[in-house]
Amino acid sequence: MLIFIFIKKKFFSQQVEVLGKRTAPLPEIYYIEGTLQMVWINRCFPGYGINSLLHPDCPNCCVVCSPGSFNPHEGTHCLQCNRSLTYGAKHCY
């Protein structure tokens, strides 16, 4: 998620530079400098969770729940479940 936000922010910043040098009309959709706001959402899709111990390179990324865990709702953590034997479990059967 952080990588996507970084790439998106970089794209819009570069678009400002490029469009600022154009003499042709602007495209229908374009970025106006200073209007982009980022909202951090601390939740993951069901079957995914945040685990900074298992994924130290991306401590705030939503990653698929490992076998033995699940996330039934849009929470931030995978919950323990010894009956869950698949990746990305949404239920503890």
Foldseek 3Di string as FASTA:
>chain_A
DVVVVVVVVVVLVVQCVVVVPDPDDDDPDHDDPPPDDDDDDQWAAWQWAADCVVPVVCRRDTDGAAAQWTDQHRHHHTHGANQRGHTSHNDRD
